[in-house]
Protein backbone atom coordinates (compact mmCIF):
# COMPACT_ATOMS: atom_id res chain seq x y z
CA UNK A 1 358.30 338.17 106.23
CA UNK A 2 358.45 334.66 104.73
CA UNK A 3 360.89 335.64 101.99
CA UNK A 4 363.08 337.68 104.32
CA UNK A 5 363.28 334.84 106.85
CA UNK A 6 364.27 332.29 104.21
CA UNK A 7 366.87 334.61 102.67
CA UNK A 8 368.29 335.23 106.15
CA UNK A 9 368.60 331.48 106.70
CA UNK A 10 370.37 331.05 103.35
CA UNK A 11 372.80 333.82 104.28
CA UNK A 12 373.40 332.14 107.64
CA UNK A 13 374.23 328.95 105.77
CA UNK A 14 376.73 330.82 103.58
CA UNK A 15 378.21 332.49 106.67
CA UNK A 16 378.70 329.07 108.26
CA UNK A 17 381.07 328.36 105.35
CA UNK A 18 383.03 331.54 106.01
CA UNK A 19 381.26 333.80 103.52
CA UNK A 20 380.82 337.49 104.25
CA UNK A 21 377.24 338.53 103.57
CA UNK A 22 375.22 341.67 103.14
CA UNK A 23 371.47 341.89 102.73
CA UNK A 24 369.97 344.57 100.52
CA UNK A 25 366.29 345.43 100.60
CA UNK A 26 365.27 346.67 97.17
CA UNK A 27 362.26 348.34 98.74
CA UNK A 28 364.66 350.72 100.51
CA UNK A 29 366.16 351.91 97.22
CA UNK A 30 364.62 354.45 94.92
CA UNK A 31 364.85 352.73 91.52
CA UNK A 32 363.27 354.25 88.43
CA UNK A 33 361.81 352.09 85.67
CA UNK A 34 363.89 351.51 82.56
CA UNK A 35 363.22 354.21 79.99
CA UNK A 36 364.48 352.30 76.96
CA UNK A 37 366.64 355.23 75.96
CA UNK A 38 368.04 353.35 72.93
CA UNK A 39 371.58 354.48 73.72
CA UNK A 40 374.14 352.17 75.24
CA UNK A 41 375.90 353.74 78.24
CA UNK A 42 379.16 351.73 77.95
CA UNK A 43 381.60 351.81 79.52
CA UNK A 44 379.27 352.91 82.34
CA UNK A 45 375.99 351.41 83.31
CA UNK A 46 372.79 353.41 83.07
CA UNK A 47 372.53 357.08 82.15
CA UNK A 48 370.13 357.61 85.06
CA UNK A 49 371.44 357.67 88.61
CA UNK A 50 369.34 356.34 91.44
CA UNK A 51 369.28 353.28 93.70
CA UNK A 52 370.74 351.16 90.90
CA UNK A 53 374.03 352.98 91.47
CA UNK A 54 374.30 350.79 94.59
CA UNK A 55 373.25 347.62 92.77
CA UNK A 56 375.54 347.72 89.70
CA UNK A 57 378.84 347.54 91.63
CA UNK A 58 377.49 344.70 93.75
CA UNK A 59 376.45 342.72 90.68
CA UNK A 60 379.89 343.33 89.24
CA UNK A 61 381.98 342.36 92.27
CA UNK A 62 380.28 339.72 94.45
CA UNK A 63 381.14 336.02 94.38
CA UNK A 64 377.57 334.87 94.95
CA UNK A 65 373.97 336.08 95.17
CA UNK A 66 370.98 334.96 97.18
CA UNK A 67 367.93 336.41 95.46
CA UNK A 68 364.68 336.22 97.34
CA UNK A 69 361.37 337.27 95.90
CA UNK A 70 357.76 337.03 96.93
CA UNK A 71 355.40 335.97 94.16
CA UNK A 72 353.23 338.63 92.57
CA UNK A 73 350.93 337.55 89.74
CA UNK A 74 352.99 334.40 89.24
CA UNK A 75 356.32 336.17 88.86
CA UNK A 76 357.96 338.40 91.48
CA UNK A 77 357.78 341.83 93.07
CA UNK A 78 357.92 345.08 91.14
CA UNK A 79 361.12 345.97 92.99
CA UNK A 80 362.97 342.95 91.57
CA UNK A 81 361.41 343.55 88.16
CA UNK A 82 362.82 347.09 88.19
CA UNK A 83 366.33 345.73 88.86
CA UNK A 84 365.96 343.18 86.08
CA UNK A 85 364.69 345.77 83.61
CA UNK A 86 367.46 348.20 84.52
CA UNK A 87 370.03 345.46 83.87
CA UNK A 88 369.66 345.84 80.09
CA UNK A 89 372.84 347.90 80.14
CA UNK A 90 374.76 344.95 81.61
CA UNK A 91 374.61 342.90 78.42
CA UNK A 92 375.55 343.21 74.81
CA UNK A 93 373.15 341.90 72.19
CA UNK A 94 374.85 339.24 70.08
CA UNK A 95 373.72 337.59 66.85
CA UNK A 96 374.57 333.89 66.78
CA UNK A 97 375.74 332.06 63.62
CA UNK A 98 372.22 330.64 63.21
CA UNK A 99 370.80 334.17 63.09
CA UNK A 100 369.19 334.09 66.53
CA UNK A 101 369.83 336.92 68.92
CA UNK A 102 371.06 336.45 72.47
CA UNK A 103 372.63 338.53 75.20
CA UNK A 104 376.13 338.28 76.63
CA UNK A 105 376.87 339.77 80.02
CA UNK A 106 379.35 342.62 80.17
CA UNK A 107 380.15 341.55 83.73
CA UNK A 108 383.26 339.41 83.46
CA UNK A 109 383.21 337.90 86.94
CA UNK A 110 381.33 334.63 87.08
CA UNK A 111 379.14 334.17 90.13
CA UNK A 112 377.00 331.48 91.71
CA UNK A 113 373.50 332.10 92.95
CA UNK A 114 370.37 330.71 94.50
CA UNK A 115 366.83 331.94 93.98
CA UNK A 116 364.14 331.76 96.68
CA UNK A 117 360.58 332.22 95.39
CA UNK A 118 357.82 332.43 98.01
CA UNK A 119 354.16 332.28 97.03
CA UNK A 120 350.83 332.21 98.79
CA UNK A 121 348.29 331.74 96.04
CA UNK A 122 350.55 331.25 93.02
CA UNK A 123 351.39 327.61 92.49
CA UNK A 124 353.34 327.71 89.25
CA UNK A 125 356.80 329.32 89.41
CA UNK A 126 357.57 328.81 85.70
CA UNK A 127 357.35 332.49 84.67
CA UNK A 128 359.48 333.65 87.60
CA UNK A 129 362.06 330.92 87.01
CA UNK A 130 362.37 331.63 83.28
CA UNK A 131 362.91 335.35 83.90
CA UNK A 132 365.38 334.69 86.70
CA UNK A 133 367.39 332.21 84.61
CA UNK A 134 367.61 334.60 81.65
CA UNK A 135 368.60 337.56 83.83
CA UNK A 136 371.11 335.55 85.84
CA UNK A 137 372.87 333.92 82.92
CA UNK A 138 372.80 336.56 80.23
CA UNK A 139 372.86 339.82 82.17
CA UNK A 140 374.66 339.37 85.50
CA UNK A 141 376.81 336.28 84.76
CA UNK A 142 375.34 334.18 87.57
CA UNK A 143 374.99 330.43 87.44
CA UNK A 144 371.89 329.56 89.44
CA UNK A 145 372.92 326.43 91.28
CA UNK A 146 369.62 325.86 93.05
CA UNK A 147 366.13 327.25 93.59
CA UNK A 148 363.86 327.03 96.60
CA UNK A 149 360.21 327.24 95.57
CA UNK A 150 357.63 327.68 98.32
CA UNK A 151 354.02 327.60 97.14
CA UNK A 152 352.14 327.35 100.42
CA UNK A 153 353.57 330.11 102.57
CA UNK A 154 350.10 331.18 103.65
CA UNK A 155 349.14 327.83 105.18
CA UNK A 156 349.41 327.29 108.91
CA UNK A 157 352.05 329.43 110.58
CA UNK A 158 353.68 330.55 107.33
CA UNK A 159 356.89 329.49 105.67
CA UNK A 160 359.03 331.35 108.20
CA UNK A 161 358.00 328.80 110.83
CA UNK A 162 358.26 325.64 108.74
CA UNK A 163 361.38 323.77 109.69
CA UNK A 164 361.75 322.03 106.31
CA UNK A 165 361.95 325.37 104.48
CA UNK A 166 364.30 326.88 107.06
CA UNK A 167 366.60 323.86 106.81
CA UNK A 168 366.48 323.84 103.01
CA UNK A 169 367.30 327.56 102.84
CA UNK A 170 370.23 327.08 105.24
CA UNK A 171 371.49 324.08 103.26
CA UNK A 172 371.30 326.08 100.02
CA UNK A 173 373.35 328.82 101.66
CA UNK A 174 375.95 326.22 102.68
CA UNK A 175 376.02 324.90 99.11
CA UNK A 176 376.40 328.42 97.77
CA UNK A 177 379.20 329.16 100.23
CA UNK A 178 381.00 325.99 99.21
CA UNK A 179 380.59 326.48 95.47
CA UNK A 180 381.51 330.17 95.40
CA UNK A 181 384.79 329.47 97.21
CA UNK A 182 385.80 326.86 94.60
């Protein structure tokens, strides 16, 4: 409820800037885990067809993303982890001149994004933020312009009733709407 409310406020902020929005609940999609099939499906995406068939075209075509995730064991939900894992097919592995390996997104369209991480007990978002930054930059070609980290959503009436979080989420949506139209 906390995450959904804050994502809704961010989308309302983007809408106030003229953005068209759509909310997708990963929990409503049947997404299989990555099977590490060791074959690259290019020019397509994954060899397996499931709920990700709805996600891939969105990741390819949108101007901006609002990604909201509740904290689980210091990272995020299994549903988001499935999407991230199944995004392996969206990047090519590249060896840099110094010998290090990196990933380069196959998705040509650059996008802006915000990440909303909502925790009750977890207080350190570092693991979630690192994973989100890697996935955003290297796999889906998203520049994360801002992050809203909530670490006390269980206190009092919950984050969905805390005006400072609602205002911040709205303001981030406005920022996203402004920056994605540039």
